Amino acid sequence: MMSPLAPLLLAFRPFIDPLPIGNSSAWVALFIPLVILVSVAYKTIKLRDLRELPRKSAILALQIFIFMGAAAAGLWVLTLFA
C-alpha cells in the first residue's frame, strides 16, 4: 500500500522545482545567529583555553560572513554574465 505522501515526494525535483520561500526575506536574518552559534560551538571544542573563546569565535564568525558574502557576490556575477 502506498503512502498518501508518496505522490508529493515523487513530484519534488529540488533543482528543477525548488520549494518556495515566500515573499518575505526575513528568513535571511536567521543566518546571523546561525553563524555565531556555529562559530562558538566549533571554537568551544577546539580551544584549550576558553578565555580566548569570545575573540576567536568572533574572528571565525567574521571570516564566515566575509567568505559567504564573497561567494554570494561571485555567484551573482556569474548569473549576470552566464
N, C-alpha and C. Protein backbone atom coordinates (compact mmCIF):
# COMPACT_ATOMS: atom_id res chain seq x y z
N MET A 1 0.84 -1.18 0.00
CA MET A 1 0.00 0.00 0.00
C MET A 1 0.89 1.25 0.00
N MET A 2 0.52 2.21 -0.82
CA MET A 2 1.33 3.41 -0.97
C MET A 2 0.89 4.50 0.01
N SER A 3 1.84 5.19 0.53
CA SER A 3 1.57 6.28 1.46
C SER A 3 0.88 7.44 0.73
N PRO A 4 0.03 8.20 1.42
CA PRO A 4 -0.60 9.34 0.76
C PRO A 4 0.39 10.47 0.41
N LEU A 5 1.55 10.46 1.04
CA LEU A 5 2.57 11.47 0.73
C LEU A 5 3.46 11.09 -0.45
N ALA A 6 3.37 9.85 -0.89
CA ALA A 6 4.25 9.37 -1.96
C ALA A 6 4.14 10.19 -3.23
N PRO A 7 2.94 10.53 -3.73
CA PRO A 7 2.90 11.34 -4.95
C PRO A 7 3.55 12.71 -4.79
N LEU A 8 3.41 13.31 -3.60
CA LEU A 8 4.04 14.61 -3.38
C LEU A 8 5.56 14.49 -3.35
N LEU A 9 6.06 13.44 -2.71
CA LEU A 9 7.51 13.26 -2.63
C LEU A 9 8.11 12.90 -3.98
N LEU A 10 7.37 12.14 -4.77
CA LEU A 10 7.87 11.77 -6.08
C LEU A 10 7.84 12.95 -7.05
N ALA A 11 6.94 13.90 -6.81
CA ALA A 11 6.83 15.06 -7.70
C ALA A 11 7.87 16.13 -7.37
N PHE A 12 8.53 16.02 -6.24
CA PHE A 12 9.50 17.05 -5.83
C PHE A 12 10.83 16.84 -6.53
N ARG A 13 11.23 17.82 -7.33
CA ARG A 13 12.51 17.81 -8.02
C ARG A 13 13.29 19.03 -7.55
N PRO A 14 14.23 18.87 -6.60
CA PRO A 14 14.82 20.01 -5.90
C PRO A 14 15.49 21.06 -6.78
N PHE A 15 16.23 20.67 -7.77
CA PHE A 15 16.96 21.65 -8.56
C PHE A 15 16.15 22.18 -9.74
N ILE A 16 15.10 21.48 -10.09
CA ILE A 16 14.24 21.93 -11.19
C ILE A 16 13.08 22.75 -10.67
N ASP A 17 12.42 22.27 -9.62
CA ASP A 17 11.28 22.96 -9.00
C ASP A 17 11.58 23.18 -7.52
N PRO A 18 12.36 24.20 -7.16
CA PRO A 18 12.68 24.40 -5.74
C PRO A 18 11.45 24.81 -4.95
N LEU A 19 11.50 24.55 -3.65
CA LEU A 19 10.40 24.93 -2.78
C LEU A 19 10.35 26.45 -2.65
N PRO A 20 9.16 27.02 -2.64
CA PRO A 20 9.08 28.48 -2.48
C PRO A 20 9.43 28.90 -1.05
N ILE A 21 10.09 30.04 -0.93
CA ILE A 21 10.43 30.55 0.40
C ILE A 21 9.51 31.69 0.81
N GLY A 22 8.55 32.02 -0.03
CA GLY A 22 7.61 33.08 0.30
C GLY A 22 8.08 34.42 -0.21
N ASN A 23 7.28 35.42 0.05
CA ASN A 23 7.59 36.76 -0.42
C ASN A 23 8.48 37.52 0.55
N SER A 24 8.65 37.01 1.75
CA SER A 24 9.44 37.69 2.76
C SER A 24 10.88 37.19 2.76
N SER A 25 11.79 38.10 2.98
CA SER A 25 13.20 37.72 3.08
C SER A 25 13.65 37.68 4.54
N ALA A 26 12.71 37.55 5.45
CA ALA A 26 13.05 37.55 6.88
C ALA A 26 13.85 36.32 7.26
N TRP A 27 13.75 35.24 6.50
CA TRP A 27 14.49 34.02 6.83
C TRP A 27 15.99 34.23 6.70
N VAL A 28 16.41 35.22 5.93
CA VAL A 28 17.84 35.50 5.77
C VAL A 28 18.43 36.02 7.08
N ALA A 29 17.61 36.66 7.91
CA ALA A 29 18.09 37.17 9.20
C ALA A 29 18.51 36.05 10.14
N LEU A 30 18.03 34.84 9.90
CA LEU A 30 18.42 33.70 10.73
C LEU A 30 19.84 33.25 10.45
N PHE A 31 20.43 33.73 9.36
CA PHE A 31 21.80 33.37 9.01
C PHE A 31 22.79 33.92 10.04
N ILE A 32 22.52 35.10 10.57
CA ILE A 32 23.44 35.74 11.52
C ILE A 32 23.57 34.94 12.81
N PRO A 33 22.46 34.60 13.51
CA PRO A 33 22.65 33.80 14.72
C PRO A 33 23.16 32.39 14.44
N LEU A 34 22.83 31.86 13.26
CA LEU A 34 23.34 30.53 12.91
C LEU A 34 24.86 30.55 12.83
N VAL A 35 25.42 31.53 12.15
CA VAL A 35 26.88 31.63 12.01
C VAL A 35 27.53 31.84 13.37
N ILE A 36 26.95 32.69 14.19
CA ILE A 36 27.52 32.96 15.52
C ILE A 36 27.51 31.70 16.38
N LEU A 37 26.40 30.99 16.39
CA LEU A 37 26.32 29.77 17.20
C LEU A 37 27.25 28.68 16.70
N VAL A 38 27.38 28.54 15.40
CA VAL A 38 28.29 27.54 14.85
C VAL A 38 29.73 27.88 15.19
N SER A 39 30.10 29.15 15.09
CA SER A 39 31.49 29.53 15.40
C SER A 39 31.79 29.35 16.89
N VAL A 40 30.84 29.66 17.76
CA VAL A 40 31.06 29.46 19.20
C VAL A 40 31.17 27.97 19.51
N ALA A 41 30.29 27.16 18.93
CA ALA A 41 30.34 25.72 19.19
C ALA A 41 31.64 25.11 18.68
N TYR A 42 32.07 25.51 17.48
CA TYR A 42 33.31 24.97 16.92
C TYR A 42 34.52 25.36 17.77
N LYS A 43 34.60 26.63 18.13
CA LYS A 43 35.75 27.09 18.91
C LYS A 43 35.72 26.54 20.34
N THR A 44 34.55 26.27 20.89
CA THR A 44 34.47 25.65 22.22
C THR A 44 35.11 24.28 22.21
N ILE A 45 34.93 23.55 21.13
CA ILE A 45 35.51 22.21 21.02
C ILE A 45 37.01 22.28 20.76
N LYS A 46 37.46 23.23 19.95
CA LYS A 46 38.85 23.26 19.50
C LYS A 46 39.82 23.95 20.46
N LEU A 47 39.36 24.92 21.24
CA LEU A 47 40.28 25.69 22.08
C LEU A 47 40.64 24.94 23.36
N ARG A 48 41.88 25.10 23.80
CA ARG A 48 42.30 24.54 25.09
C ARG A 48 41.96 25.49 26.22
N ASP A 49 42.10 26.78 25.97
CA ASP A 49 41.84 27.80 26.98
C ASP A 49 40.60 28.60 26.57
N LEU A 50 39.52 28.48 27.33
CA LEU A 50 38.27 29.11 26.96
C LEU A 50 38.25 30.62 27.20
N ARG A 51 39.30 31.17 27.77
CA ARG A 51 39.37 32.63 27.89
C ARG A 51 39.51 33.29 26.53
N GLU A 52 40.00 32.55 25.55
CA GLU A 52 40.14 33.06 24.19
C GLU A 52 38.87 32.91 23.36
N LEU A 53 37.85 32.29 23.92
CA LEU A 53 36.64 31.95 23.16
C LEU A 53 35.95 33.15 22.52
N PRO A 54 35.66 34.23 23.23
CA PRO A 54 34.93 35.33 22.57
C PRO A 54 35.67 35.93 21.37
N ARG A 55 36.97 36.15 21.53
CA ARG A 55 37.74 36.74 20.44
C ARG A 55 37.89 35.80 19.26
N LYS A 56 38.22 34.55 19.54
CA LYS A 56 38.42 33.58 18.46
C LYS A 56 37.12 33.27 17.73
N SER A 57 36.01 33.15 18.46
CA SER A 57 34.75 32.85 17.79
C SER A 57 34.25 34.07 17.00
N ALA A 58 34.54 35.28 17.47
CA ALA A 58 34.17 36.48 16.70
C ALA A 58 34.97 36.55 15.41
N ILE A 59 36.24 36.20 15.47
CA ILE A 59 37.07 36.18 14.26
C ILE A 59 36.55 35.15 13.27
N LEU A 60 36.22 33.96 13.77
CA LEU A 60 35.70 32.92 12.89
C LEU A 60 34.37 33.33 12.28
N ALA A 61 33.48 33.92 13.07
CA ALA A 61 32.19 34.36 12.54
C ALA A 61 32.39 35.43 11.47
N LEU A 62 33.31 36.35 11.70
CA LEU A 62 33.59 37.39 10.71
C LEU A 62 34.15 36.78 9.42
N GLN A 63 35.02 35.79 9.54
CA GLN A 63 35.54 35.12 8.35
C GLN A 63 34.43 34.42 7.58
N ILE A 64 33.52 33.77 8.28
CA ILE A 64 32.40 33.10 7.62
C ILE A 64 31.53 34.12 6.89
N PHE A 65 31.22 35.24 7.55
CA PHE A 65 30.41 36.28 6.90
C PHE A 65 31.09 36.82 5.65
N ILE A 66 32.38 37.07 5.73
CA ILE A 66 33.11 37.63 4.59
C ILE A 66 33.13 36.65 3.43
N PHE A 67 33.47 35.39 3.71
CA PHE A 67 33.58 34.43 2.62
C PHE A 67 32.22 34.03 2.05
N MET A 68 31.18 34.00 2.87
CA MET A 68 29.84 33.74 2.34
C MET A 68 29.36 34.91 1.49
N GLY A 69 29.69 36.13 1.90
CA GLY A 69 29.36 37.30 1.09
C GLY A 69 30.10 37.29 -0.24
N ALA A 70 31.38 36.92 -0.19
CA ALA A 70 32.17 36.84 -1.42
C ALA A 70 31.63 35.75 -2.35
N ALA A 71 31.24 34.62 -1.78
CA ALA A 71 30.68 33.54 -2.59
C ALA A 71 29.35 33.97 -3.21
N ALA A 72 28.52 34.66 -2.43
CA ALA A 72 27.23 35.14 -2.95
C ALA A 72 27.45 36.16 -4.06
N ALA A 73 28.40 37.07 -3.87
CA ALA A 73 28.69 38.07 -4.90
C ALA A 73 29.24 37.40 -6.16
N GLY A 74 30.10 36.43 -5.99
CA GLY A 74 30.64 35.71 -7.14
C GLY A 74 29.56 34.96 -7.91
N LEU A 75 28.67 34.32 -7.20
CA LEU A 75 27.57 33.61 -7.88
C LEU A 75 26.60 34.58 -8.54
N TRP A 76 26.39 35.74 -7.91
CA TRP A 76 25.52 36.75 -8.51
C TRP A 76 26.12 37.26 -9.83
N VAL A 77 27.43 37.54 -9.81
CA VAL A 77 28.10 37.99 -11.04
C VAL A 77 28.06 36.89 -12.09
N LEU A 78 28.23 35.67 -11.68
CA LEU A 78 28.18 34.55 -12.62
C LEU A 78 26.81 34.45 -13.28
N THR A 79 25.75 34.66 -12.51
CA THR A 79 24.41 34.58 -13.11
C THR A 79 24.12 35.78 -14.01
N LEU A 80 24.78 36.91 -13.78
CA LEU A 80 24.56 38.07 -14.66
C LEU A 80 25.15 37.84 -16.04
N PHE A 81 26.31 37.23 -16.10
CA PHE A 81 27.02 37.10 -17.36
C PHE A 81 26.95 35.71 -17.98
N ALA A 82 26.28 34.80 -17.35
CA ALA A 82 26.20 33.44 -17.91
C ALA A 82 24.94 33.26 -18.73
